[in-house]
């Protein structure tokens, strides 16, 4: 009964999202585009934070690598934007592999502090144009729009379907990942790393794989962001972006895909409903978050515990059956 009810609820939500651009103006469609981007980013961070239990607040650095990869190659060499998504993801994953390998043994607050420093180093490097190709504080302009079969995507409702199609693919793949051996190993790490290591799980390897996979997906989201904005600059990848992603995962429910999606709507979309309250809207939003953290410490939609069916043991044979 509960499963059927969830199916109905999810179906209604999907249908509502499918037809939402037909009834909303361009402003609210663009707000939903931002919600969709942060939902995908939150899901990519959820692999590291939600499944693996690793405190990571430098996810904006991987997001920036993907966006700048797309911006540099598309403006200099004219490569179509959507073709660059795998490359942007690969370079973000390679960057994650390089920076995470020396720090993967850290835990808790120590890992958190190091990842904060990582995103700040990336931002400062972009501002100072260390490599001579990032445009400094001004960033990179003139990024081309994405094209699908010769059809150029320009308007907010066109980006809406592109973003939410990518989000749907992300949800499907990450759902499969959650139930895979890799996903279960990360869950064991989150619950008790010492016990997981004692059970034969290579904790360092799985942690590193979680960082690489989350960075790969964040890099691909950076491609969509760069093509949507047609400009990238260091200001778009500040520490605050990592904080927003962190809040999306924690507030919605770390380790739960529906919770992360709901968190993106609350953290990114809800403040826009209170825009008429000017400065007080952030006060209202902050107070709501404090109350949630007091009364719902695991998030609004925490992950459901795994259920393993237990088969009934066969009844022992009676004496007459044995004698016969």
C-alpha atoms as a PDB file:
ATOM      1  CA  UNK A   1       0.000   0.000   0.000  1.00  0.00           C
ATOM      2  CA  UNK A   2       2.766   2.439   0.928  1.00  0.00           C
ATOM      3  CA  UNK A   3       4.680   1.584  -2.230  1.00  0.00           C
ATOM      4  CA  UNK A   4       1.602   2.227  -4.380  1.00  0.00           C
ATOM      5  CA  UNK A   5       1.039   5.552  -2.627  1.00  0.00           C
ATOM      6  CA  UNK A   6       4.635   6.629  -3.265  1.00  0.00           C
ATOM      7  CA  UNK A   7       4.291   5.641  -6.913  1.00  0.00           C
ATOM      8  CA  UNK A   8       1.197   7.811  -7.276  1.00  0.00           C
ATOM      9  CA  UNK A   9       2.883  10.774  -5.564  1.00  0.00           C
ATOM     10  CA  UNK A  10       6.001  10.522  -7.731  1.00  0.00           C
ATOM     11  CA  UNK A  11       3.872  10.207 -10.880  1.00  0.00           C
ATOM     12  CA  UNK A  12       1.929  13.364 -10.008  1.00  0.00           C
ATOM     13  CA  UNK A  13       5.180  15.251  -9.341  1.00  0.00           C
ATOM     14  CA  UNK A  14       6.704  14.145 -12.649  1.00  0.00           C
ATOM     15  CA  UNK A  15       3.589  15.144 -14.604  1.00  0.00           C
ATOM     16  CA  UNK A  16       3.487  18.524 -12.828  1.00  0.00           C
ATOM     17  CA  UNK A  17       7.146  19.191 -13.666  1.00  0.00           C
ATOM     18  CA  UNK A  18       6.608  18.098 -17.254  1.00  0.00           C
ATOM     19  CA  UNK A  19       3.877  20.673 -17.877  1.00  0.00           C
ATOM     20  CA  UNK A  20       5.113  23.412 -15.504  1.00  0.00           C
ATOM     21  CA  UNK A  21       6.689  25.628 -18.239  1.00  0.00           C
ATOM     22  CA  UNK A  22       3.297  25.875 -19.974  1.00  0.00           C
ATOM     23  CA  UNK A  23       1.776  27.682 -16.988  1.00  0.00           C
ATOM     24  CA  UNK A  24       4.687  29.667 -15.546  1.00  0.00           C
ATOM     25  CA  UNK A  25       6.336  32.847 -16.766  1.00  0.00           C
ATOM     26  CA  UNK A  26       9.981  33.023 -17.801  1.00  0.00           C
ATOM     27  CA  UNK A  27      11.139  34.148 -14.380  1.00  0.00           C
ATOM     28  CA  UNK A  28       9.732  31.148 -12.536  1.00  0.00           C
ATOM     29  CA  UNK A  29      10.887  28.772 -15.244  1.00  0.00           C
ATOM     30  CA  UNK A  30      14.393  30.156 -14.761  1.00  0.00           C
ATOM     31  CA  UNK A  31      14.042  29.639 -10.988  1.00  0.00           C
ATOM     32  CA  UNK A  32      13.130  26.003 -11.684  1.00  0.00           C
ATOM     33  CA  UNK A  33      16.193  25.753 -13.923  1.00  0.00           C
ATOM     34  CA  UNK A  34      18.362  26.777 -10.978  1.00  0.00           C
ATOM     35  CA  UNK A  35      16.527  24.285  -8.780  1.00  0.00           C
ATOM     36  CA  UNK A  36      17.222  21.549 -11.315  1.00  0.00           C
ATOM     37  CA  UNK A  37      20.921  22.381 -11.530  1.00  0.00           C
ATOM     38  CA  UNK A  38      21.310  22.359  -7.760  1.00  0.00           C
ATOM     39  CA  UNK A  39      19.333  19.122  -7.552  1.00  0.00           C
ATOM     40  CA  UNK A  40      21.881  17.435  -9.829  1.00  0.00           C
ATOM     41  CA  UNK A  41      24.760  19.021  -7.939  1.00  0.00           C
ATOM     42  CA  UNK A  42      23.203  17.903  -4.671  1.00  0.00           C
ATOM     43  CA  UNK A  43      22.885  14.351  -5.970  1.00  0.00           C
ATOM     44  CA  UNK A  44      26.535  14.356  -7.010  1.00  0.00           C
ATOM     45  CA  UNK A  45      27.546  15.615  -3.557  1.00  0.00           C
ATOM     46  CA  UNK A  46      25.219  13.068  -1.985  1.00  0.00           C
ATOM     47  CA  UNK A  47      27.536  10.292  -3.175  1.00  0.00           C
ATOM     48  CA  UNK A  48      30.322  11.753  -1.054  1.00  0.00           C
ATOM     49  CA  UNK A  49      28.386  13.226   1.859  1.00  0.00           C
ATOM     50  CA  UNK A  50      25.204  11.176   1.974  1.00  0.00           C
ATOM     51  CA  UNK A  51      26.398   7.700   1.036  1.00  0.00           C
ATOM     52  CA  UNK A  52      30.029   7.936   2.144  1.00  0.00           C
ATOM     53  CA  UNK A  53      29.490  10.153   5.196  1.00  0.00           C
ATOM     54  CA  UNK A  54      32.489  12.367   4.317  1.00  0.00           C
ATOM     55  CA  UNK A  55      32.165  16.048   5.230  1.00  0.00           C
ATOM     56  CA  UNK A  56      32.979  17.786   1.970  1.00  0.00           C
ATOM     57  CA  UNK A  57      32.411  21.511   1.386  1.00  0.00           C
ATOM     58  CA  UNK A  58      34.609  22.015  -1.656  1.00  0.00           C
ATOM     59  CA  UNK A  59      32.248  20.667  -4.299  1.00  0.00           C
ATOM     60  CA  UNK A  60      32.116  24.020  -6.086  1.00  0.00           C
ATOM     61  CA  UNK A  61      35.753  23.449  -7.126  1.00  0.00           C
ATOM     62  CA  UNK A  62      34.764  20.444  -9.279  1.00  0.00           C
ATOM     63  CA  UNK A  63      31.799  22.410 -10.609  1.00  0.00           C
ATOM     64  CA  UNK A  64      34.204  25.203 -11.609  1.00  0.00           C
ATOM     65  CA  UNK A  65      36.611  22.848 -13.377  1.00  0.00           C
ATOM     66  CA  UNK A  66      33.798  21.552 -15.562  1.00  0.00           C
ATOM     67  CA  UNK A  67      32.437  25.003 -16.360  1.00  0.00           C
ATOM     68  CA  UNK A  68      35.838  26.488 -17.208  1.00  0.00           C
ATOM     69  CA  UNK A  69      36.785  23.470 -19.317  1.00  0.00           C
ATOM     70  CA  UNK A  70      33.679  24.012 -21.416  1.00  0.00           C
ATOM     71  CA  UNK A  71      34.208  27.769 -21.596  1.00  0.00           C
ATOM     72  CA  UNK A  72      37.855  27.570 -22.681  1.00  0.00           C
ATOM     73  CA  UNK A  73      37.522  24.823 -25.297  1.00  0.00           C
ATOM     74  CA  UNK A  74      34.226  26.015 -26.789  1.00  0.00           C
ATOM     75  CA  UNK A  75      35.356  29.644 -27.185  1.00  0.00           C
ATOM     76  CA  UNK A  76      38.863  28.847 -28.443  1.00  0.00           C
ATOM     77  CA  UNK A  77      38.255  25.839 -30.658  1.00  0.00           C
ATOM     78  CA  UNK A  78      34.535  25.979 -31.423  1.00  0.00           C
ATOM     79  CA  UNK A  79      33.744  22.501 -30.093  1.00  0.00           C
ATOM     80  CA  UNK A  80      29.969  22.024 -29.534  1.00  0.00           C
ATOM     81  CA  UNK A  81      29.085  22.471 -25.898  1.00  0.00           C
ATOM     82  CA  UNK A  82      27.255  19.208 -25.297  1.00  0.00           C
ATOM     83  CA  UNK A  83      30.171  17.246 -26.730  1.00  0.00           C
ATOM     84  CA  UNK A  84      32.296  18.675 -23.941  1.00  0.00           C
ATOM     85  CA  UNK A  85      30.206  17.258 -21.101  1.00  0.00           C
ATOM     86  CA  UNK A  86      32.166  13.973 -20.828  1.00  0.00           C
ATOM     87  CA  UNK A  87      35.488  15.815 -21.122  1.00  0.00           C
ATOM     88  CA  UNK A  88      34.487  18.362 -18.474  1.00  0.00           C
ATOM     89  CA  UNK A  89      33.424  15.557 -16.181  1.00  0.00           C
ATOM     90  CA  UNK A  90      36.650  13.639 -16.816  1.00  0.00           C
ATOM     91  CA  UNK A  91      38.876  16.628 -16.025  1.00  0.00           C
ATOM     92  CA  UNK A  92      36.879  17.398 -12.872  1.00  0.00           C
ATOM     93  CA  UNK A  93      37.246  13.745 -11.840  1.00  0.00           C
ATOM     94  CA  UNK A  94      40.980  13.847 -12.566  1.00  0.00           C
ATOM     95  CA  UNK A  95      41.304  16.979 -10.450  1.00  0.00           C
ATOM     96  CA  UNK A  96      39.381  15.242  -7.644  1.00  0.00           C
ATOM     97  CA  UNK A  97      41.696  12.247  -7.876  1.00  0.00           C
ATOM     98  CA  UNK A  98      44.779  14.462  -7.593  1.00  0.00           C
ATOM     99  CA  UNK A  99      43.599  16.580  -4.669  1.00  0.00           C
ATOM    100  CA  UNK A 100      41.697  13.883  -2.753  1.00  0.00           C
ATOM    101  CA  UNK A 101      44.363  11.183  -2.790  1.00  0.00           C
ATOM    102  CA  UNK A 102      46.604  12.866  -0.163  1.00  0.00           C
ATOM    103  CA  UNK A 103      43.692  13.791   2.138  1.00  0.00           C
ATOM    104  CA  UNK A 104      41.477  10.731   1.852  1.00  0.00           C
ATOM    105  CA  UNK A 105      42.610   9.424   5.249  1.00  0.00           C
ATOM    106  CA  UNK A 106      41.208  12.500   7.038  1.00  0.00           C
ATOM    107  CA  UNK A 107      37.863  12.314   8.828  1.00  0.00           C
ATOM    108  CA  UNK A 108      35.168  14.619  10.100  1.00  0.00           C
ATOM    109  CA  UNK A 109      36.084  18.241  10.761  1.00  0.00           C
ATOM    110  CA  UNK A 110      39.630  17.821   9.464  1.00  0.00           C
ATOM    111  CA  UNK A 111      38.418  16.764   6.019  1.00  0.00           C
ATOM    112  CA  UNK A 112      35.858  19.567   6.088  1.00  0.00           C
ATOM    113  CA  UNK A 113      38.527  22.220   6.731  1.00  0.00           C
ATOM    114  CA  UNK A 114      40.782  20.903   3.977  1.00  0.00           C
ATOM    115  CA  UNK A 115      37.988  20.887   1.385  1.00  0.00           C
ATOM    116  CA  UNK A 116      37.066  24.464   2.304  1.00  0.00           C
ATOM    117  CA  UNK A 117      40.662  25.432   1.631  1.00  0.00           C
ATOM    118  CA  UNK A 118      40.547  23.565  -1.677  1.00  0.00           C
ATOM    119  CA  UNK A 119      37.624  25.531  -3.075  1.00  0.00           C
ATOM    120  CA  UNK A 120      39.212  28.807  -1.969  1.00  0.00           C
ATOM    121  CA  UNK A 121      42.500  27.885  -3.674  1.00  0.00           C
ATOM    122  CA  UNK A 122      40.633  27.192  -6.917  1.00  0.00           C
ATOM    123  CA  UNK A 123      38.734  30.477  -6.703  1.00  0.00           C
ATOM    124  CA  UNK A 124      41.897  32.508  -6.047  1.00  0.00           C
ATOM    125  CA  UNK A 125      43.723  30.723  -8.874  1.00  0.00           C
ATOM    126  CA  UNK A 126      40.889  31.644 -11.249  1.00  0.00           C
ATOM    127  CA  UNK A 127      40.887  35.287 -10.112  1.00  0.00           C
ATOM    128  CA  UNK A 128      44.645  35.628 -10.591  1.00  0.00           C
ATOM    129  CA  UNK A 129      44.542  33.776 -13.920  1.00  0.00           C
ATOM    130  CA  UNK A 130      47.374  31.486 -12.855  1.00  0.00           C
ATOM    131  CA  UNK A 131      47.310  29.505 -16.109  1.00  0.00           C
ATOM    132  CA  UNK A 132      46.751  32.506 -18.394  1.00  0.00           C
ATOM    133  CA  UNK A 133      43.550  31.121 -19.931  1.00  0.00           C
ATOM    134  CA  UNK A 134      40.793  31.738 -17.368  1.00  0.00           C
ATOM    135  CA  UNK A 135      40.296  35.473 -17.945  1.00  0.00           C
ATOM    136  CA  UNK A 136      41.015  36.522 -14.359  1.00  0.00           C
ATOM    137  CA  UNK A 137      38.288  38.197 -12.353  1.00  0.00           C
ATOM    138  CA  UNK A 138      36.332  39.030 -15.528  1.00  0.00           C
ATOM    139  CA  UNK A 139      35.981  35.402 -16.514  1.00  0.00           C
ATOM    140  CA  UNK A 140      35.224  34.120 -20.007  1.00  0.00           C
ATOM    141  CA  UNK A 141      32.503  35.581 -22.233  1.00  0.00           C
ATOM    142  CA  UNK A 142      30.727  34.417 -25.376  1.00  0.00           C
ATOM    143  CA  UNK A 143      30.215  30.755 -24.523  1.00  0.00           C
ATOM    144  CA  UNK A 144      27.991  29.257 -27.239  1.00  0.00           C
ATOM    145  CA  UNK A 145      24.565  27.816 -26.539  1.00  0.00           C
ATOM    146  CA  UNK A 146      24.062  24.056 -26.700  1.00  0.00           C
ATOM    147  CA  UNK A 147      22.618  22.464 -29.823  1.00  0.00           C
ATOM    148  CA  UNK A 148      20.711  19.201 -30.260  1.00  0.00           C
ATOM    149  CA  UNK A 149      20.406  17.975 -33.870  1.00  0.00           C
ATOM    150  CA  UNK A 150      20.947  21.514 -35.134  1.00  0.00           C
ATOM    151  CA  UNK A 151      18.342  22.994 -32.776  1.00  0.00           C
ATOM    152  CA  UNK A 152      19.912  25.700 -30.616  1.00  0.00           C
ATOM    153  CA  UNK A 153      18.702  25.944 -27.022  1.00  0.00           C
ATOM    154  CA  UNK A 154      18.225  29.584 -25.989  1.00  0.00           C
ATOM    155  CA  UNK A 155      15.046  30.182 -23.995  1.00  0.00           C
ATOM    156  CA  UNK A 156      14.465  29.277 -20.332  1.00  0.00           C
ATOM    157  CA  UNK A 157      11.794  26.676 -21.101  1.00  0.00           C
ATOM    158  CA  UNK A 158      14.170  24.989 -23.570  1.00  0.00           C
ATOM    159  CA  UNK A 159      16.886  24.795 -20.932  1.00  0.00           C
ATOM    160  CA  UNK A 160      14.244  23.558 -18.505  1.00  0.00           C
ATOM    161  CA  UNK A 161      13.667  20.358 -20.449  1.00  0.00           C
ATOM    162  CA  UNK A 162      17.399  19.855 -21.011  1.00  0.00           C
ATOM    163  CA  UNK A 163      18.180  20.263 -17.307  1.00  0.00           C
ATOM    164  CA  UNK A 164      15.366  18.088 -16.024  1.00  0.00           C
ATOM    165  CA  UNK A 165      16.051  15.397 -18.613  1.00  0.00           C
ATOM    166  CA  UNK A 166      19.602  15.264 -17.286  1.00  0.00           C
ATOM    167  CA  UNK A 167      18.205  15.226 -13.744  1.00  0.00           C
ATOM    168  CA  UNK A 168      15.955  12.265 -14.617  1.00  0.00           C
ATOM    169  CA  UNK A 169      18.931  10.334 -16.017  1.00  0.00           C
ATOM    170  CA  UNK A 170      20.902  11.202 -12.875  1.00  0.00           C
ATOM    171  CA  UNK A 171      18.157   9.940 -10.574  1.00  0.00           C
ATOM    172  CA  UNK A 172      17.863   6.672 -12.510  1.00  0.00           C
ATOM    173  CA  UNK A 173      21.604   5.984 -12.535  1.00  0.00           C
ATOM    174  CA  UNK A 174      22.176   6.994  -8.927  1.00  0.00           C
ATOM    175  CA  UNK A 175      19.247   4.851  -7.836  1.00  0.00           C
ATOM    176  CA  UNK A 176      20.925   1.882  -9.475  1.00  0.00           C
ATOM    177  CA  UNK A 177      24.203   2.911  -7.866  1.00  0.00           C
ATOM    178  CA  UNK A 178      22.564   3.077  -4.443  1.00  0.00           C
ATOM    179  CA  UNK A 179      21.517  -0.571  -4.672  1.00  0.00           C
ATOM    180  CA  UNK A 180      24.800  -1.763  -6.121  1.00  0.00           C
ATOM    181  CA  UNK A 181      27.742  -3.286  -4.296  1.00  0.00           C
ATOM    182  CA  UNK A 182      29.528   0.063  -4.495  1.00  0.00           C
ATOM    183  CA  UNK A 183      26.573   1.889  -2.939  1.00  0.00           C
ATOM    184  CA  UNK A 184      26.240  -0.629  -0.121  1.00  0.00           C
ATOM    185  CA  UNK A 185      29.968  -0.375   0.620  1.00  0.00           C
ATOM    186  CA  UNK A 186      29.683   3.413   0.919  1.00  0.00           C
ATOM    187  CA  UNK A 187      26.734   3.005   3.280  1.00  0.00           C
ATOM    188  CA  UNK A 188      28.801   0.721   5.494  1.00  0.00           C
ATOM    189  CA  UNK A 189      31.534   3.369   5.510  1.00  0.00           C
ATOM    190  CA  UNK A 190      29.055   5.995   6.622  1.00  0.00           C
ATOM    191  CA  UNK A 191      27.648   3.902   9.439  1.00  0.00           C
ATOM    192  CA  UNK A 192      30.913   2.521  10.856  1.00  0.00           C
ATOM    193  CA  UNK A 193      34.189   2.907   9.006  1.00  0.00           C
ATOM    194  CA  UNK A 194      36.149   0.736  11.438  1.00  0.00           C
ATOM    195  CA  UNK A 195      33.665  -2.126  11.144  1.00  0.00           C
ATOM    196  CA  UNK A 196      33.600  -1.759   7.346  1.00  0.00           C
ATOM    197  CA  UNK A 197      37.368  -1.973   7.174  1.00  0.00           C
ATOM    198  CA  UNK A 198      37.317  -4.970   9.480  1.00  0.00           C
ATOM    199  CA  UNK A 199      34.852  -6.636   7.105  1.00  0.00           C
ATOM    200  CA  UNK A 200      37.341  -6.430   4.260  1.00  0.00           C
ATOM    201  CA  UNK A 201      36.208  -3.213   2.556  1.00  0.00           C
ATOM    202  CA  UNK A 202      39.062  -1.123   1.149  1.00  0.00           C
ATOM    203  CA  UNK A 203      37.916   2.121   2.742  1.00  0.00           C
ATOM    204  CA  UNK A 204      40.499   4.392   1.091  1.00  0.00           C
ATOM    205  CA  UNK A 205      39.662   3.045  -2.357  1.00  0.00           C
ATOM    206  CA  UNK A 206      35.899   3.445  -1.969  1.00  0.00           C
ATOM    207  CA  UNK A 207      36.263   6.942  -0.545  1.00  0.00           C
ATOM    208  CA  UNK A 208      38.423   7.971  -3.472  1.00  0.00           C
ATOM    209  CA  UNK A 209      35.961   6.439  -5.939  1.00  0.00           C
ATOM    210  CA  UNK A 210      33.132   8.409  -4.311  1.00  0.00           C
ATOM    211  CA  UNK A 211      35.076  11.666  -4.689  1.00  0.00           C
ATOM    212  CA  UNK A 212      35.904  10.924  -8.320  1.00  0.00           C
ATOM    213  CA  UNK A 213      32.348   9.960  -9.276  1.00  0.00           C
ATOM    214  CA  UNK A 214      30.803  12.960  -7.512  1.00  0.00           C
ATOM    215  CA  UNK A 215      33.320  15.294  -9.164  1.00  0.00           C
ATOM    216  CA  UNK A 216      32.652  13.769 -12.600  1.00  0.00           C
ATOM    217  CA  UNK A 217      28.945  14.552 -12.323  1.00  0.00           C
ATOM    218  CA  UNK A 218      29.548  18.054 -10.951  1.00  0.00           C
ATOM    219  CA  UNK A 219      31.877  18.756 -13.877  1.00  0.00           C
ATOM    220  CA  UNK A 220      29.163  17.820 -16.366  1.00  0.00           C
ATOM    221  CA  UNK A 221      26.701  20.117 -14.593  1.00  0.00           C
ATOM    222  CA  UNK A 222      29.302  22.865 -15.012  1.00  0.00           C
ATOM    223  CA  UNK A 223      28.989  22.426 -18.785  1.00  0.00           C
ATOM    224  CA  UNK A 224      25.243  23.073 -18.696  1.00  0.00           C
ATOM    225  CA  UNK A 225      25.704  26.051 -16.389  1.00  0.00           C
ATOM    226  CA  UNK A 226      28.356  27.629 -18.630  1.00  0.00           C
ATOM    227  CA  UNK A 227      26.246  27.254 -21.770  1.00  0.00           C
ATOM    228  CA  UNK A 228      23.151  28.585 -20.009  1.00  0.00           C
ATOM    229  CA  UNK A 229      24.855  31.711 -18.660  1.00  0.00           C
ATOM    230  CA  UNK A 230      27.235  32.178 -21.672  1.00  0.00           C
ATOM    231  CA  UNK A 231      29.748  33.539 -19.155  1.00  0.00           C
ATOM    232  CA  UNK A 232      31.746  32.053 -16.293  1.00  0.00           C
ATOM    233  CA  UNK A 233      33.657  33.957 -13.623  1.00  0.00           C
ATOM    234  CA  UNK A 234      35.232  33.112 -10.254  1.00  0.00           C
ATOM    235  CA  UNK A 235      32.307  34.764  -8.466  1.00  0.00           C
ATOM    236  CA  UNK A 236      30.042  31.931  -9.637  1.00  0.00           C
ATOM    237  CA  UNK A 237      32.102  29.309  -7.798  1.00  0.00           C
ATOM    238  CA  UNK A 238      32.701  30.816  -4.389  1.00  0.00           C
ATOM    239  CA  UNK A 239      32.587  29.023  -1.065  1.00  0.00           C
ATOM    240  CA  UNK A 240      28.923  30.013  -0.746  1.00  0.00           C
ATOM    241  CA  UNK A 241      28.070  27.707  -3.675  1.00  0.00           C
ATOM    242  CA  UNK A 242      29.534  24.789  -1.743  1.00  0.00           C
ATOM    243  CA  UNK A 243      27.515  25.838   1.308  1.00  0.00           C
ATOM    244  CA  UNK A 244      24.290  25.812  -0.731  1.00  0.00           C
ATOM    245  CA  UNK A 245      25.040  22.315  -2.059  1.00  0.00           C
ATOM    246  CA  UNK A 246      25.821  21.159   1.470  1.00  0.00           C
ATOM    247  CA  UNK A 247      22.514  22.569   2.742  1.00  0.00           C
ATOM    248  CA  UNK A 248      20.589  20.906  -0.096  1.00  0.00           C
ATOM    249  CA  UNK A 249      21.876  17.487   0.972  1.00  0.00           C
ATOM    250  CA  UNK A 250      21.672  17.953   4.751  1.00  0.00           C
ATOM    251  CA  UNK A 251      18.299  19.694   4.860  1.00  0.00           C
ATOM    252  CA  UNK A 252      16.592  17.340   2.433  1.00  0.00           C
ATOM    253  CA  UNK A 253      18.048  14.161   3.907  1.00  0.00           C
ATOM    254  CA  UNK A 254      21.598  12.933   3.383  1.00  0.00           C
ATOM    255  CA  UNK A 255      21.665   9.608   1.566  1.00  0.00           C
ATOM    256  CA  UNK A 256      18.115   9.889   0.169  1.00  0.00           C
ATOM    257  CA  UNK A 257      17.554  10.839  -3.471  1.00  0.00           C
ATOM    258  CA  UNK A 258      14.005  12.227  -2.926  1.00  0.00           C
ATOM    259  CA  UNK A 259      15.299  14.175   0.066  1.00  0.00           C
ATOM    260  CA  UNK A 260      18.073  15.826  -1.951  1.00  0.00           C
ATOM    261  CA  UNK A 261      15.615  16.837  -4.681  1.00  0.00           C
ATOM    262  CA  UNK A 262      13.231  18.282  -2.076  1.00  0.00           C
ATOM    263  CA  UNK A 263      16.164  20.067  -0.459  1.00  0.00           C
ATOM    264  CA  UNK A 264      17.008  21.802  -3.739  1.00  0.00           C
ATOM    265  CA  UNK A 265      13.451  23.112  -4.000  1.00  0.00           C
ATOM    266  CA  UNK A 266      13.534  24.392  -0.417  1.00  0.00           C
ATOM    267  CA  UNK A 267      17.025  25.912  -0.417  1.00  0.00           C
ATOM    268  CA  UNK A 268      16.989  27.397  -3.942  1.00  0.00           C
ATOM    269  CA  UNK A 269      13.320  27.850  -4.792  1.00  0.00           C
ATOM    270  CA  UNK A 270      11.677  28.714  -1.470  1.00  0.00           C
ATOM    271  CA  UNK A 271      13.608  31.992  -0.876  1.00  0.00           C
ATOM    272  CA  UNK A 272      12.240  33.292  -4.186  1.00  0.00           C
ATOM    273  CA  UNK A 273       8.696  33.018  -2.829  1.00  0.00           C
ATOM    274  CA  UNK A 274       9.683  35.466  -0.056  1.00  0.00           C
ATOM    275  CA  UNK A 275      11.514  37.893  -2.330  1.00  0.00           C
ATOM    276  CA  UNK A 276       8.828  40.491  -1.615  1.00  0.00           C
ATOM    277  CA  UNK A 277       9.988  40.591   2.020  1.00  0.00           C
ATOM    278  CA  UNK A 278      13.357  41.982   0.899  1.00  0.00           C
ATOM    279  CA  UNK A 279      16.028  41.513   3.579  1.00  0.00           C
ATOM    280  CA  UNK A 280      13.798  39.691   6.038  1.00  0.00           C
ATOM    281  CA  UNK A 281      13.322  36.736   3.663  1.00  0.00           C
ATOM    282  CA  UNK A 282      16.730  35.301   4.549  1.00  0.00           C
ATOM    283  CA  UNK A 283      15.896  35.696   8.242  1.00  0.00           C
ATOM    284  CA  UNK A 284      12.699  33.699   7.722  1.00  0.00           C
ATOM    285  CA  UNK A 285      14.582  31.103   5.720  1.00  0.00           C
ATOM    286  CA  UNK A 286      17.340  30.818   8.338  1.00  0.00           C
ATOM    287  CA  UNK A 287      14.841  30.422  11.164  1.00  0.00           C
ATOM    288  CA  UNK A 288      13.054  27.682   9.229  1.00  0.00           C
ATOM    289  CA  UNK A 289      16.354  25.831   8.752  1.00  0.00           C
ATOM    290  CA  UNK A 290      17.189  26.078  12.463  1.00  0.00           C
ATOM    291  CA  UNK A 291      13.802  24.612  13.365  1.00  0.00           C
ATOM    292  CA  UNK A 292      14.291  21.804  10.867  1.00  0.00           C
ATOM    293  CA  UNK A 293      17.688  20.941  12.309  1.00  0.00           C
ATOM    294  CA  UNK A 294      16.188  20.823  15.812  1.00  0.00           C
ATOM    295  CA  UNK A 295      13.133  18.718  15.053  1.00  0.00           C
ATOM    296  CA  UNK A 296      14.322  16.789  11.980  1.00  0.00           C
ATOM    297  CA  UNK A 297      18.007  16.147  12.568  1.00  0.00           C
ATOM    298  CA  UNK A 298      18.198  13.564   9.763  1.00  0.00           C
ATOM    299  CA  UNK A 299      16.579  15.874   7.223  1.00  0.00           C
ATOM    300  CA  UNK A 300      13.045  16.148   5.924  1.00  0.00           C
ATOM    301  CA  UNK A 301      13.132  12.906   3.939  1.00  0.00           C
ATOM    302  CA  UNK A 302      15.850  10.737   5.482  1.00  0.00           C
ATOM    303  CA  UNK A 303      16.770   7.455   3.779  1.00  0.00           C
ATOM    304  CA  UNK A 304      14.556   4.523   4.657  1.00  0.00           C
ATOM    305  CA  UNK A 305      16.320   1.622   6.371  1.00  0.00           C
ATOM    306  CA  UNK A 306      17.049  -1.291   4.111  1.00  0.00           C
ATOM    307  CA  UNK A 307      14.609  -4.165   4.411  1.00  0.00           C
ATOM    308  CA  UNK A 308      15.761  -7.686   3.790  1.00  0.00           C
ATOM    309  CA  UNK A 309      12.965 -10.284   3.565  1.00  0.00           C
ATOM    310  CA  UNK A 310      13.485 -13.326   5.771  1.00  0.00           C
ATOM    311  CA  UNK A 311      12.222 -16.565   4.356  1.00  0.00           C
ATOM    312  CA  UNK A 312      10.367 -18.846   6.706  1.00  0.00           C
ATOM    313  CA  UNK A 313      12.318 -21.929   7.640  1.00  0.00           C
ATOM    314  CA  UNK A 314      10.683 -25.210   6.574  1.00  0.00           C
ATOM    315  CA  UNK A 315       8.935 -27.022   9.384  1.00  0.00           C
ATOM    316  CA  UNK A 316      10.667 -30.227  10.561  1.00  0.00           C
ATOM    317  CA  UNK A 317       9.188 -33.403   9.186  1.00  0.00           C
ATOM    318  CA  UNK A 318       6.900 -35.376  11.467  1.00  0.00           C
ATOM    319  CA  UNK A 319       7.799 -38.884  12.682  1.00  0.00           C
ATOM    320  CA  UNK A 320       5.263 -40.521  10.349  1.00  0.00           C
ATOM    321  CA  UNK A 321       6.758 -38.730   7.326  1.00  0.00           C
ATOM    322  CA  UNK A 322      10.263 -39.796   8.385  1.00  0.00           C
ATOM    323  CA  UNK A 323       9.241 -43.442   8.855  1.00  0.00           C
ATOM    324  CA  UNK A 324       7.495 -43.526   5.505  1.00  0.00           C
END
